[in-house]
Amino acid sequence: MTVFANPDAYESWMGRWSARLAPDFVRFAAPGPLSRCLDVGAGTGVLAAAVLAASEEARVVGIEPAGSYVEFARARVADGRARFEVGDAQALPFEDGSFDAALALLVLQQVPDAPKAVAEMRRVTHAGGPVAACQWDFRDGMPMLSLFWDAVRAAVPTDALGDQAARRNPPGYSDEAALAQLWAEAGLADVETGRLDVTLEFASFDDYWRPFLGGATPTSSFAATLTEEMRQAVEARLREMVPAPGPESPFALPARAWAVRGNVP
């Protein structure tokens, strides 16, 4: 699993999107009460917070490979009903059937062996419990990122792009058919998929642009490594493309995620 090391930078860049998405995902993933839930790839704690907000009976254990993110989540979710541990989604340190549900928010694209991780989520969830995940639609449902890559391709010479910009879309399960197949192959029953739409407001162009330079993920790390001249060219092109009436004007962008849920037989 790719390990990120800067939770503060991630929060200002993609974390605010995750926080918008998490409550909708919880409603889709576990419509019933959860007394013990596993949060796989807990990140900065947004999913755990949403689970706790949904039910006073909920208890959450979050597993996350990056120690800095575990510390961030512990500070963010200062609730005795939650605990966070360093761990690997592909080798969960829990006994079979330990949880009522296992959920993964925006994680699968970072796991080297996603089928193994889903198998582990199934193993630690008791019979009848839901196993669920959601992923951004990186191909056609994340204008925040597609605008950036369109500006990069227009403003940066091709020989300076490298592999990261050439592929543009992160690997992973970015459509509902792929998620449904992954869940079916894991032997989960009653598999359902759903579309989750959110909108995020930006206070200004800088509110949108500056987090790209924070180095929180592979995409923002790429932006941060551009030369000053290239960054200025990308920024100028983005200012033309972003749907804001002026540089200090607020604007909003939509995003789409695909979710999948299945029950342990």
Protein backbone atom coordinates (compact mmCIF):
# COMPACT_ATOMS: atom_id res chain seq x y z
CA MET A 1 0.00 0.00 0.00
CA THR A 2 1.27 3.47 -0.82
CA VAL A 3 2.10 5.25 2.41
CA PHE A 4 1.53 9.00 2.54
CA ALA A 5 3.44 11.03 5.12
CA ASN A 6 1.82 14.48 5.33
CA PRO A 7 -1.71 14.34 6.75
CA ASP A 8 -1.97 18.13 7.13
CA ALA A 9 -1.26 18.66 3.44
CA TYR A 10 -3.65 15.86 2.53
CA GLU A 11 -6.42 17.44 4.58
CA SER A 12 -6.22 20.74 2.72
CA TRP A 13 -6.12 18.98 -0.65
CA MET A 14 -8.22 15.77 -0.82
CA GLY A 15 -9.23 15.36 2.81
CA ARG A 16 -11.98 17.96 2.57
CA TRP A 17 -13.51 15.97 -0.30
CA SER A 18 -13.33 12.79 1.79
CA ALA A 19 -15.14 14.52 4.64
CA ARG A 20 -18.00 15.47 2.30
CA LEU A 21 -18.25 11.93 0.96
CA ALA A 22 -17.96 9.93 4.18
CA PRO A 23 -21.49 10.44 5.61
CA ASP A 24 -23.13 9.45 2.31
CA PHE A 25 -20.92 6.37 2.10
CA VAL A 26 -21.82 5.31 5.66
CA ARG A 27 -25.53 5.53 4.83
CA PHE A 28 -24.99 3.40 1.74
CA ALA A 29 -22.61 0.90 3.35
CA ALA A 30 -24.36 0.14 6.61
CA PRO A 31 -28.01 1.15 6.77
CA GLY A 32 -28.40 -0.72 10.06
CA PRO A 33 -26.77 0.01 13.44
CA LEU A 34 -23.08 -0.79 13.87
CA SER A 35 -21.78 -1.78 17.27
CA ARG A 36 -18.28 -2.66 16.00
CA CYS A 37 -16.96 -1.39 12.67
CA LEU A 38 -13.56 -1.76 11.00
CA ASP A 39 -12.28 1.26 9.06
CA VAL A 40 -9.71 -0.05 6.57
CA GLY A 41 -7.20 2.59 5.47
CA ALA A 42 -8.46 5.03 8.08
CA GLY A 43 -6.39 7.98 6.81
CA THR A 44 -7.14 11.16 8.73
CA GLY A 45 -10.18 9.68 10.48
CA VAL A 46 -13.03 11.11 8.40
CA LEU A 47 -14.80 7.77 7.93
CA ALA A 48 -14.50 6.84 11.59
CA ALA A 49 -15.96 10.23 12.53
CA ALA A 50 -18.89 9.70 10.16
CA VAL A 51 -19.60 6.22 11.56
CA LEU A 52 -19.61 7.55 15.13
CA ALA A 53 -21.87 10.45 14.13
CA ALA A 54 -24.36 8.04 12.58
CA SER A 55 -24.95 6.01 15.73
CA GLU A 56 -24.36 6.39 19.46
CA GLU A 57 -23.91 2.62 19.64
CA ALA A 58 -21.06 2.58 17.12
CA ARG A 59 -17.50 1.55 17.92
CA VAL A 60 -14.73 1.89 15.33
CA VAL A 61 -11.28 0.42 14.91
CA GLY A 62 -9.22 2.17 12.24
CA ILE A 63 -6.29 0.46 10.49
CA GLU A 64 -3.83 2.69 8.60
CA PRO A 65 -0.27 1.96 7.34
CA ALA A 66 1.13 5.47 7.91
CA GLY A 67 1.98 6.26 11.50
CA SER A 68 1.67 10.01 10.96
CA TYR A 69 -1.91 9.52 9.78
CA VAL A 70 -2.72 7.32 12.77
CA GLU A 71 -1.55 10.10 15.09
CA PHE A 72 -3.58 12.66 13.12
CA ALA A 73 -6.72 10.50 13.29
CA ARG A 74 -6.32 9.97 17.03
CA ALA A 75 -6.18 13.73 17.57
CA ARG A 76 -9.05 14.39 15.18
CA VAL A 77 -11.42 11.73 16.56
CA ALA A 78 -10.95 12.26 20.28
CA ASP A 79 -13.70 9.81 21.17
CA GLY A 80 -13.38 6.78 23.41
CA ARG A 81 -15.50 4.80 20.95
CA ALA A 82 -12.71 4.87 18.36
CA ARG A 83 -9.17 3.60 18.26
CA PHE A 84 -6.58 3.72 15.49
CA GLU A 85 -3.70 1.35 14.85
CA VAL A 86 -0.89 0.99 12.33
CA GLY A 87 -1.68 -1.99 10.13
CA ASP A 88 -1.92 -3.47 6.64
CA ALA A 89 -5.23 -3.98 4.85
CA GLN A 90 -3.79 -7.11 3.23
CA ALA A 91 -3.05 -8.77 6.59
CA LEU A 92 -5.57 -7.54 9.14
CA PRO A 93 -4.51 -8.36 12.74
CA PHE A 94 -7.96 -9.55 13.87
CA GLU A 95 -9.69 -12.88 14.36
CA ASP A 96 -12.34 -14.16 11.99
CA GLY A 97 -15.77 -12.55 12.45
CA SER A 98 -14.53 -9.82 14.81
CA PHE A 99 -16.62 -6.98 13.33
CA ASP A 100 -20.19 -6.17 12.37
CA ALA A 101 -18.93 -4.43 9.23
CA ALA A 102 -15.73 -3.59 7.36
CA LEU A 103 -15.61 -0.36 5.36
CA ALA A 104 -12.95 1.21 3.13
CA LEU A 105 -13.19 4.84 2.01
CA LEU A 106 -11.10 5.79 -1.05
CA VAL A 107 -8.40 3.20 -0.33
CA LEU A 108 -8.40 0.39 -2.87
CA GLN A 109 -6.38 2.27 -5.51
CA GLN A 110 -3.46 2.37 -3.05
CA VAL A 111 -3.48 -1.33 -2.11
CA PRO A 112 -1.05 -3.50 -4.11
CA ASP A 113 -3.36 -6.54 -3.84
CA ALA A 114 -6.93 -5.26 -3.61
CA PRO A 115 -8.54 -8.74 -3.88
CA LYS A 116 -6.47 -9.86 -0.87
CA ALA A 117 -7.58 -6.81 1.09
CA VAL A 118 -11.25 -7.47 0.29
CA ALA A 119 -10.80 -11.12 1.30
CA GLU A 120 -9.36 -9.92 4.60
CA MET A 121 -12.29 -7.54 5.11
CA ARG A 122 -14.66 -10.43 4.51
CA ARG A 123 -12.74 -12.72 6.88
CA VAL A 124 -12.92 -10.35 9.86
CA THR A 125 -16.63 -9.53 9.36
CA HIS A 126 -19.19 -11.89 10.89
CA ALA A 127 -21.80 -13.71 8.81
CA GLY A 128 -24.49 -11.36 7.53
CA GLY A 129 -22.39 -8.25 8.05
CA PRO A 130 -21.67 -5.76 5.24
CA VAL A 131 -18.33 -5.28 3.54
CA ALA A 132 -18.24 -2.02 1.57
CA ALA A 133 -15.94 0.40 -0.22
CA CYS A 134 -16.11 3.47 -2.41
CA GLN A 135 -13.78 5.03 -4.95
CA TRP A 136 -13.69 8.33 -6.79
CA ASP A 137 -14.61 8.08 -10.45
CA PHE A 138 -11.14 9.17 -11.55
CA ARG A 139 -11.96 8.67 -15.22
CA ASP A 140 -14.85 11.08 -15.56
CA GLY A 141 -16.09 12.22 -12.16
CA MET A 142 -13.39 14.35 -10.53
CA PRO A 143 -13.16 17.75 -12.30
CA MET A 144 -10.78 19.04 -9.64
CA LEU A 145 -8.13 16.65 -10.96
CA SER A 146 -9.10 16.54 -14.64
CA LEU A 147 -8.86 20.34 -14.88
CA PHE A 148 -5.35 20.15 -13.48
CA TRP A 149 -4.19 17.46 -15.91
CA ASP A 150 -5.77 19.28 -18.85
CA ALA A 151 -3.83 22.40 -17.85
CA VAL A 152 -0.63 20.39 -17.44
CA ARG A 153 -0.92 18.84 -20.90
CA ALA A 154 -1.58 22.28 -22.41
CA ALA A 155 1.18 24.16 -20.58
CA VAL A 156 4.03 21.69 -19.96
CA PRO A 157 6.26 20.24 -22.72
CA THR A 158 5.54 16.57 -23.38
CA ASP A 159 9.11 15.48 -22.59
CA ALA A 160 8.80 16.99 -19.11
CA LEU A 161 5.62 15.21 -18.13
CA GLY A 162 6.90 11.78 -17.08
CA ASP A 163 4.88 8.68 -16.30
CA GLN A 164 2.67 10.26 -13.64
CA ALA A 165 1.18 12.87 -15.94
CA ALA A 166 1.08 10.54 -18.92
CA ARG A 167 -1.31 8.14 -17.25
CA ARG A 168 -3.30 10.93 -15.53
CA ASN A 169 -5.75 8.53 -13.86
CA PRO A 170 -4.60 6.71 -10.71
CA PRO A 171 -4.82 2.92 -10.95
CA GLY A 172 -7.60 1.16 -9.14
CA TYR A 173 -11.27 0.37 -9.19
CA SER A 174 -12.79 3.58 -10.52
CA ASP A 175 -16.09 2.31 -11.94
CA GLU A 176 -19.00 0.38 -10.50
CA ALA A 177 -18.59 -2.65 -12.79
CA ALA A 178 -15.02 -3.25 -11.61
CA LEU A 179 -16.06 -2.86 -7.97
CA ALA A 180 -19.02 -5.22 -8.39
CA GLN A 181 -16.79 -7.84 -10.00
CA LEU A 182 -14.20 -7.53 -7.22
CA TRP A 183 -16.90 -8.03 -4.59
CA ALA A 184 -18.47 -10.99 -6.43
CA GLU A 185 -15.08 -12.67 -6.83
CA ALA A 186 -14.54 -12.28 -3.08
CA GLY A 187 -17.63 -14.45 -2.55
CA LEU A 188 -19.77 -11.71 -1.02
CA ALA A 189 -23.55 -12.01 -1.33
CA ASP A 190 -26.26 -9.53 -2.32
CA VAL A 191 -23.73 -7.26 -4.03
CA GLU A 192 -25.04 -3.76 -4.77
CA THR A 193 -23.40 -0.67 -6.24
CA GLY A 194 -24.34 2.97 -5.96
CA ARG A 195 -23.35 6.42 -7.16
CA LEU A 196 -22.45 9.10 -4.63
CA ASP A 197 -22.32 12.75 -5.72
CA VAL A 198 -20.83 15.58 -3.67
CA THR A 199 -19.95 19.23 -4.26
CA LEU A 200 -17.14 21.23 -2.69
CA GLU A 201 -17.01 25.02 -2.46
CA PHE A 202 -13.71 26.86 -2.89
CA ALA A 203 -13.26 30.31 -1.37
CA SER A 204 -11.06 31.48 -4.25
CA PHE A 205 -8.75 30.23 -6.98
CA ASP A 206 -5.87 30.05 -4.48
CA ASP A 207 -8.01 27.87 -2.22
CA TYR A 208 -8.22 25.43 -5.13
CA TRP A 209 -4.65 25.75 -6.45
CA ARG A 210 -2.27 26.00 -3.49
CA PRO A 211 -3.00 22.51 -2.05
CA PHE A 212 -1.76 21.02 -5.33
CA LEU A 213 1.74 22.14 -4.31
CA GLY A 214 1.66 20.47 -0.91
CA GLY A 215 3.09 17.09 -1.94
CA ALA A 216 0.40 15.08 -0.11
CA THR A 217 -0.15 12.43 -2.82
CA PRO A 218 1.52 11.37 -6.10
CA THR A 219 -0.47 13.97 -8.07
CA SER A 220 0.37 16.88 -5.78
CA SER A 221 3.96 15.65 -5.51
CA PHE A 222 4.17 15.88 -9.30
CA ALA A 223 2.84 19.44 -9.21
CA ALA A 224 5.39 20.39 -6.57
CA THR A 225 8.30 19.08 -8.68
CA LEU A 226 7.51 21.22 -11.73
CA THR A 227 9.90 24.07 -12.41
CA GLU A 228 8.77 27.53 -11.36
CA GLU A 229 8.20 28.45 -14.99
CA MET A 230 6.07 25.33 -15.57
CA ARG A 231 4.07 25.90 -12.39
CA GLN A 232 3.31 29.46 -13.43
CA ALA A 233 2.22 28.27 -16.87
CA VAL A 234 -0.06 25.60 -15.38
CA GLU A 235 -1.50 28.09 -12.88
CA ALA A 236 -2.20 30.63 -15.64
CA ARG A 237 -3.98 28.01 -17.75
CA LEU A 238 -5.99 26.82 -14.77
CA ARG A 239 -7.13 30.35 -14.01
CA GLU A 240 -8.67 30.40 -17.49
CA MET A 241 -10.35 27.01 -17.01
CA VAL A 242 -11.73 27.13 -13.47
CA PRO A 243 -15.41 28.19 -13.42
CA ALA A 244 -14.94 31.27 -11.21
CA PRO A 245 -16.04 34.81 -12.17
CA GLY A 246 -12.82 36.25 -10.74
CA PRO A 247 -9.59 35.20 -8.95
CA GLU A 248 -10.99 36.07 -5.53
CA SER A 249 -14.50 34.78 -6.22
CA PRO A 250 -15.86 31.59 -4.69
CA PHE A 251 -16.87 28.69 -6.92
CA ALA A 252 -17.85 25.04 -6.59
CA LEU A 253 -16.87 21.78 -8.27
CA PRO A 254 -18.75 18.48 -8.27
CA ALA A 255 -17.33 14.99 -7.81
CA ARG A 256 -18.67 11.48 -8.28
CA ALA A 257 -17.78 8.29 -6.45
CA TRP A 258 -18.84 4.68 -6.97
CA ALA A 259 -19.69 2.54 -3.95
CA VAL A 260 -20.12 -1.20 -3.52
CA ARG A 261 -21.61 -3.27 -0.72
CA GLY A 262 -21.94 -7.01 -0.16
CA ASN A 263 -22.81 -9.22 2.80
CA VAL A 264 -20.74 -12.03 4.26
CA PRO A 265 -22.62 -15.30 3.53
